[in-house]
Protein backbone atom coordinates (compact mmCIF):
# COMPACT_ATOMS: atom_id res chain seq x y z
CA UNK A 1 0.00 0.00 0.00
CA UNK A 2 2.94 2.34 0.63
CA UNK A 3 3.93 2.04 -3.01
CA UNK A 4 0.34 2.58 -4.04
CA UNK A 5 -0.03 5.95 -2.29
CA UNK A 6 3.04 8.11 -2.83
CA UNK A 7 2.19 11.75 -3.48
CA UNK A 8 3.67 13.29 -6.59
CA UNK A 9 3.37 16.76 -8.02
CA UNK A 10 3.05 17.10 -11.78
CA UNK A 11 1.15 19.04 -14.42
CA UNK A 12 -1.97 17.36 -15.73
CA UNK A 13 -2.33 19.74 -18.68
CA UNK A 14 -1.68 23.27 -19.88
CA UNK A 15 -4.67 25.55 -19.48
CA UNK A 16 -5.75 27.45 -22.58
CA UNK A 17 -8.71 29.72 -22.07
CA UNK A 18 -11.46 30.64 -24.53
CA UNK A 19 -10.10 28.45 -27.33
CA UNK A 20 -13.57 28.19 -28.90
CA UNK A 21 -14.36 31.93 -28.67
CA UNK A 22 -17.16 31.26 -26.18
CA UNK A 23 -19.19 28.96 -28.48
CA UNK A 24 -19.48 26.14 -25.91
CA UNK A 25 -20.47 28.50 -23.12
CA UNK A 26 -23.10 30.05 -25.37
CA UNK A 27 -24.48 26.63 -26.33
CA UNK A 28 -25.05 25.47 -22.74
CA UNK A 29 -25.68 28.82 -21.05
CA UNK A 30 -29.27 27.91 -20.18
CA UNK A 31 -28.34 24.50 -18.77
CA UNK A 32 -27.95 23.90 -15.04
CA UNK A 33 -25.51 20.99 -15.02
CA UNK A 34 -26.37 18.35 -12.39
CA UNK A 35 -24.00 15.48 -13.27
CA UNK A 36 -21.37 14.35 -15.75
CA UNK A 37 -19.74 11.26 -17.22
CA UNK A 38 -17.11 10.38 -19.79
CA UNK A 39 -16.19 7.52 -22.09
CA UNK A 40 -14.84 6.75 -25.57
CA UNK A 41 -13.52 10.29 -25.97
CA UNK A 42 -16.82 11.97 -25.14
CA UNK A 43 -17.93 14.09 -22.17
CA UNK A 44 -21.59 13.81 -21.13
CA UNK A 45 -23.41 16.47 -19.10
CA UNK A 46 -26.83 16.03 -17.53
CA UNK A 47 -28.90 19.07 -16.61
CA UNK A 48 -31.77 20.07 -14.37
CA UNK A 49 -34.32 20.00 -17.21
CA UNK A 50 -33.57 16.36 -18.11
CA UNK A 51 -31.32 17.15 -21.06
CA UNK A 52 -28.06 15.41 -22.01
CA UNK A 53 -25.24 17.35 -23.72
CA UNK A 54 -22.48 15.43 -25.51
CA UNK A 55 -19.10 17.07 -26.06
CA UNK A 56 -16.66 15.48 -28.52
CA UNK A 57 -12.85 15.74 -28.63
CA UNK A 58 -13.28 18.49 -31.24
CA UNK A 59 -15.54 20.42 -28.82
CA UNK A 60 -18.58 19.77 -31.01
CA UNK A 61 -21.73 19.80 -28.88
CA UNK A 62 -24.96 17.87 -29.42
CA UNK A 63 -27.92 17.71 -27.05
CA UNK A 64 -31.10 15.70 -26.58
CA UNK A 65 -33.94 15.43 -24.08
CA UNK A 66 -33.57 12.25 -22.02
CA UNK A 67 -35.95 12.77 -19.07
CA UNK A 68 -38.61 15.19 -17.89
CA UNK A 69 -36.87 15.69 -14.52
CA UNK A 70 -33.31 16.57 -13.41
CA UNK A 71 -30.77 13.91 -14.28
CA UNK A 72 -29.02 12.61 -11.15
CA UNK A 73 -26.33 10.49 -12.83
CA UNK A 74 -24.82 9.61 -16.19
CA UNK A 75 -22.70 6.47 -16.57
CA UNK A 76 -20.56 6.10 -19.70
CA UNK A 77 -18.02 3.44 -20.62
CA UNK A 78 -14.69 3.13 -22.45
CA UNK A 79 -15.58 -0.35 -23.70
CA UNK A 80 -19.10 0.40 -24.98
CA UNK A 81 -20.84 3.25 -26.76
CA UNK A 82 -24.01 3.12 -24.66
CA UNK A 83 -24.73 5.42 -21.72
CA UNK A 84 -27.06 4.99 -18.75
CA UNK A 85 -28.98 7.93 -17.28
CA UNK A 86 -30.93 8.14 -14.02
CA UNK A 87 -33.63 10.66 -13.10
CA UNK A 88 -36.81 10.86 -11.08
CA UNK A 89 -39.68 9.18 -12.92
CA UNK A 90 -43.32 10.25 -13.23
CA UNK A 91 -44.33 8.15 -10.20
CA UNK A 92 -41.72 9.71 -7.92
CA UNK A 93 -39.31 6.77 -8.03
CA UNK A 94 -36.23 6.52 -10.22
CA UNK A 95 -36.28 6.16 -13.99
CA UNK A 96 -33.24 4.46 -15.58
CA UNK A 97 -32.67 4.69 -19.33
CA UNK A 98 -30.10 3.09 -21.62
CA UNK A 99 -29.12 5.08 -24.73
CA UNK A 100 -27.05 4.51 -27.87
CA UNK A 101 -25.55 7.96 -28.69
CA UNK A 102 -23.61 6.68 -31.72
CA UNK A 103 -26.92 5.71 -33.39
CA UNK A 104 -28.51 9.15 -33.20
CA UNK A 105 -30.97 10.14 -35.93
CA UNK A 106 -30.64 13.17 -38.22
CA UNK A 107 -31.95 15.45 -35.44
CA UNK A 108 -29.27 14.22 -33.04
CA UNK A 109 -31.62 12.18 -30.83
CA UNK A 110 -30.24 8.69 -30.01
CA UNK A 111 -32.52 5.67 -29.59
CA UNK A 112 -33.54 4.72 -26.06
CA UNK A 113 -32.74 1.01 -25.88
CA UNK A 114 -34.31 0.32 -22.51
CA UNK A 115 -36.29 2.02 -19.75
CA UNK A 116 -36.42 0.72 -16.18
CA UNK A 117 -38.45 1.87 -13.19
CA UNK A 118 -36.77 -0.17 -10.43
CA UNK A 119 -38.73 -0.94 -7.28
CA UNK A 120 -36.97 -3.14 -4.71
CA UNK A 121 -40.01 -3.37 -2.44
CA UNK A 122 -41.62 -6.82 -2.18
CA UNK A 123 -44.64 -7.54 -4.32
CA UNK A 124 -47.37 -8.52 -1.87
CA UNK A 125 -50.64 -9.89 -3.19
CA UNK A 126 -49.76 -8.94 -6.75
CA UNK A 127 -49.24 -5.26 -5.95
CA UNK A 128 -46.44 -3.00 -4.79
CA UNK A 129 -46.78 -0.93 -1.61
CA UNK A 130 -48.30 2.53 -2.15
CA UNK A 131 -46.10 5.56 -2.64
CA UNK A 132 -42.94 6.20 -4.67
CA UNK A 133 -40.30 3.47 -4.85
CA UNK A 134 -36.91 4.06 -3.14
CA UNK A 135 -34.67 6.09 -5.43
CA UNK A 136 -31.52 4.84 -7.13
CA UNK A 137 -28.40 6.36 -5.57
CA UNK A 138 -25.62 4.36 -7.27
CA UNK A 139 -25.07 2.17 -10.31
CA UNK A 140 -22.43 -0.27 -11.57
CA UNK A 141 -22.21 -2.21 -14.84
CA UNK A 142 -20.14 -5.28 -15.75
CA UNK A 143 -17.49 -4.63 -18.46
CA UNK A 144 -19.17 -7.05 -20.88
CA UNK A 145 -22.55 -5.35 -20.28
CA UNK A 146 -24.13 -8.59 -19.04
CA UNK A 147 -24.85 -7.45 -15.48
CA UNK A 148 -25.99 -4.23 -13.81
CA UNK A 149 -26.38 -3.39 -10.13
CA UNK A 150 -28.46 -0.56 -8.67
CA UNK A 151 -28.18 0.74 -5.10
CA UNK A 152 -31.18 2.44 -3.51
CA UNK A 153 -32.01 4.84 -0.69
CA UNK A 154 -33.54 2.06 1.43
CA UNK A 155 -30.32 0.00 1.33
CA UNK A 156 -31.54 -2.40 -1.35
CA UNK A 157 -29.17 -3.59 -4.07
CA UNK A 158 -30.94 -4.77 -7.21
CA UNK A 159 -29.07 -6.96 -9.68
CA UNK A 160 -30.03 -7.29 -13.36
CA UNK A 161 -28.56 -10.30 -15.14
CA UNK A 162 -28.67 -10.30 -18.93
CA UNK A 163 -27.82 -7.82 -21.68
CA UNK A 164 -28.01 -4.34 -20.14
CA UNK A 165 -29.43 -2.75 -23.30
CA UNK A 166 -32.25 -5.29 -23.74
CA UNK A 167 -35.33 -6.25 -21.77
CA UNK A 168 -35.50 -9.70 -23.33
CA UNK A 169 -33.73 -12.34 -21.30
CA UNK A 170 -32.95 -9.95 -18.44
CA UNK A 171 -33.87 -10.97 -14.91
CA UNK A 172 -33.76 -8.77 -11.83
CA UNK A 173 -33.76 -9.54 -8.13
CA UNK A 174 -32.96 -7.84 -4.84
CA UNK A 175 -29.54 -9.17 -3.91
CA UNK A 176 -29.44 -7.78 -0.38
CA UNK A 177 -30.93 -5.01 1.73
CA UNK A 178 -28.36 -3.15 3.82
CA UNK A 179 -29.03 -1.25 7.02
CA UNK A 180 -28.95 2.19 5.35
CA UNK A 181 -28.92 3.81 1.93
CA UNK A 182 -26.29 2.69 -0.59
CA UNK A 183 -23.74 5.42 -1.35
CA UNK A 184 -21.42 3.69 -3.86
CA UNK A 185 -21.26 0.56 -6.03
CA UNK A 186 -18.21 -0.78 -7.91
CA UNK A 187 -17.95 -3.98 -9.96
CA UNK A 188 -14.58 -5.75 -10.09
CA UNK A 189 -14.29 -8.43 -12.78
CA UNK A 190 -11.36 -10.81 -13.23
CA UNK A 191 -11.01 -13.95 -15.34
CA UNK A 192 -12.27 -16.03 -12.43
CA UNK A 193 -14.46 -13.83 -10.25
CA UNK A 194 -16.96 -10.98 -10.25
CA UNK A 195 -17.21 -8.96 -7.05
CA UNK A 196 -19.50 -6.05 -6.24
CA UNK A 197 -18.19 -3.61 -3.63
CA UNK A 198 -20.92 -1.63 -1.88
CA UNK A 199 -20.76 1.17 0.67
CA UNK A 200 -23.20 2.94 2.92
CA UNK A 201 -22.43 5.77 5.32
CA UNK A 202 -21.70 3.14 7.99
CA UNK A 203 -20.61 -0.14 6.32
CA UNK A 204 -18.58 -1.62 3.47
CA UNK A 205 -19.54 -4.91 1.83
CA UNK A 206 -18.26 -7.21 -0.88
CA UNK A 207 -20.76 -9.36 -2.77
CA UNK A 208 -19.49 -12.31 -4.80
CA UNK A 209 -21.61 -12.43 -7.98
CA UNK A 210 -19.49 -15.02 -9.79
CA UNK A 211 -22.00 -17.87 -9.67
CA UNK A 212 -25.65 -17.27 -10.41
CA UNK A 213 -27.98 -18.06 -7.49
CA UNK A 214 -24.96 -18.70 -5.26
CA UNK A 215 -24.08 -15.11 -4.44
CA UNK A 216 -22.46 -14.44 -1.06
CA UNK A 217 -22.04 -11.22 0.96
CA UNK A 218 -19.14 -10.31 3.25
CA UNK A 219 -19.02 -7.28 5.55
CA UNK A 220 -15.59 -5.70 5.21
CA UNK A 221 -15.89 -2.83 7.65
CA UNK A 222 -18.30 -1.07 9.99
CA UNK A 223 -17.24 2.33 8.72
CA UNK A 224 -18.54 3.51 5.35
CA UNK A 225 -18.18 6.65 3.26
CA UNK A 226 -20.21 9.27 1.48
CA UNK A 227 -21.12 9.21 -2.21
CA UNK A 228 -18.14 9.65 -4.53
CA UNK A 229 -15.57 8.71 -1.89
CA UNK A 230 -14.65 5.24 -3.14
CA UNK A 231 -12.96 3.88 -6.25
CA UNK A 232 -11.27 0.82 -7.72
CA UNK A 233 -7.55 0.76 -8.42
CA UNK A 234 -6.67 -0.86 -11.74
CA UNK A 235 -3.58 -2.36 -13.34
CA UNK A 236 -1.12 -3.93 -10.92
CA UNK A 237 -3.23 -2.77 -7.97
CA UNK A 238 -6.39 -4.49 -9.21
CA UNK A 239 -7.07 -6.14 -5.84
CA UNK A 240 -7.55 -2.78 -4.10
CA UNK A 241 -10.88 -1.16 -3.37
CA UNK A 242 -10.12 2.30 -2.00
CA UNK A 243 -12.29 4.28 0.41
CA UNK A 244 -11.71 7.89 1.51
CA UNK A 245 -12.69 8.96 5.00
CA UNK A 246 -11.75 12.11 6.93
CA UNK A 247 -8.79 10.47 8.68
CA UNK A 248 -7.26 8.32 5.92
CA UNK A 249 -7.47 6.40 2.64
CA UNK A 250 -8.34 2.75 3.33
CA UNK A 251 -7.78 -0.24 1.04
CA UNK A 252 -9.77 -3.48 0.85
CA UNK A 253 -9.63 -6.80 -0.92
CA UNK A 254 -12.66 -8.98 -1.60
CA UNK A 255 -12.48 -10.55 1.86
CA UNK A 256 -10.71 -8.18 4.25
CA UNK A 257 -9.40 -4.71 4.99
CA UNK A 258 -5.83 -3.96 3.99
CA UNK A 259 -3.51 -1.16 4.97
CA UNK A 260 -4.33 2.54 5.08
CA UNK A 261 -2.62 5.84 4.32
CA UNK A 262 -3.15 8.60 6.88
CA UNK A 263 -4.35 11.66 5.03
CA UNK A 264 -6.55 13.94 7.10
CA UNK A 265 -9.08 16.25 5.50
CA UNK A 266 -12.73 16.56 4.51
CA UNK A 267 -12.72 14.54 1.28
CA UNK A 268 -15.51 14.90 -1.28
CA UNK A 269 -14.30 12.81 -4.24
CA UNK A 270 -11.74 10.14 -5.17
CA UNK A 271 -10.94 8.70 -8.59
CA UNK A 272 -8.33 6.41 -10.10
CA UNK A 273 -6.66 7.34 -13.38
CA UNK A 274 -3.71 5.57 -15.03
CA UNK A 275 -1.97 4.54 -11.84
CA UNK A 276 -2.79 7.69 -9.87
CA UNK A 277 -5.27 8.21 -7.06
CA UNK A 278 -6.92 11.62 -7.36
CA UNK A 279 -8.42 13.08 -4.18
CA UNK A 280 -10.52 16.22 -3.84
CA UNK A 281 -10.34 17.48 -0.26
CA UNK A 282 -10.83 20.71 1.63
CA UNK A 283 -7.64 22.38 2.78
CA UNK A 284 -7.74 22.76 6.57
CA UNK A 285 -6.09 26.16 6.35
CA UNK A 286 -8.22 27.46 3.49
CA UNK A 287 -11.85 27.46 2.41
CA UNK A 288 -11.26 26.08 -1.08
CA UNK A 289 -10.79 22.53 -2.30
CA UNK A 290 -7.46 20.99 -3.29
């Protein structure tokens, strides 16, 4: 773990301002951005009106209406051209849609391949309980797009087995219901195993999804983290699941907690990129983030 977390100072990029003469700012000036995602050389922005804006490497912008409510998350992938958006549905629960941006029509609107309105509550007497379903707070998708997991505000984790972009052949079930709302989900796939790491504010779990109908759950820790404060390390550190808490960065394997790196600060986001752990934290001596 010591080799994993060694701080280095370097330049990510050179900043060049106003390279498009304000065209991008003008194009999205009315949009209140609520979330973002990236994949396959594209940046995706979701806004408060339910719109999705797609920015290419050449800074070309296209937009389409995905939902009728603010988009809470956009998930894009490097290994697939589809994206998954989440927003509040007409019934007050969450609405999950799968899109194919590369198959957009002449007006720039991509086809919606699938729409889900997940409800983890038990079906009693052929009917769901009254009121809106618990909302989706986190999402993870298998690299081969054959499995998707959704975490909800009531602690439920729903698993969808089958092609993510198709309803046919897909089966869903509630894998487990945790003690509090799910804050993060991460899928780790190797040649032999598929593990789902899940966090709440108070716990960390690892769910072995390798064998259908023989899934197992292990509690890794009785301390959790807030949304955005966990990530998976890739490459030679592929066994590490990293969690950021105010006192330190903690590492986990699929069955136990590993070492930690003491790094105090109010952390709001962690991400892994090409061998580097990126941490956004509030400077104790300043009011801004670093």
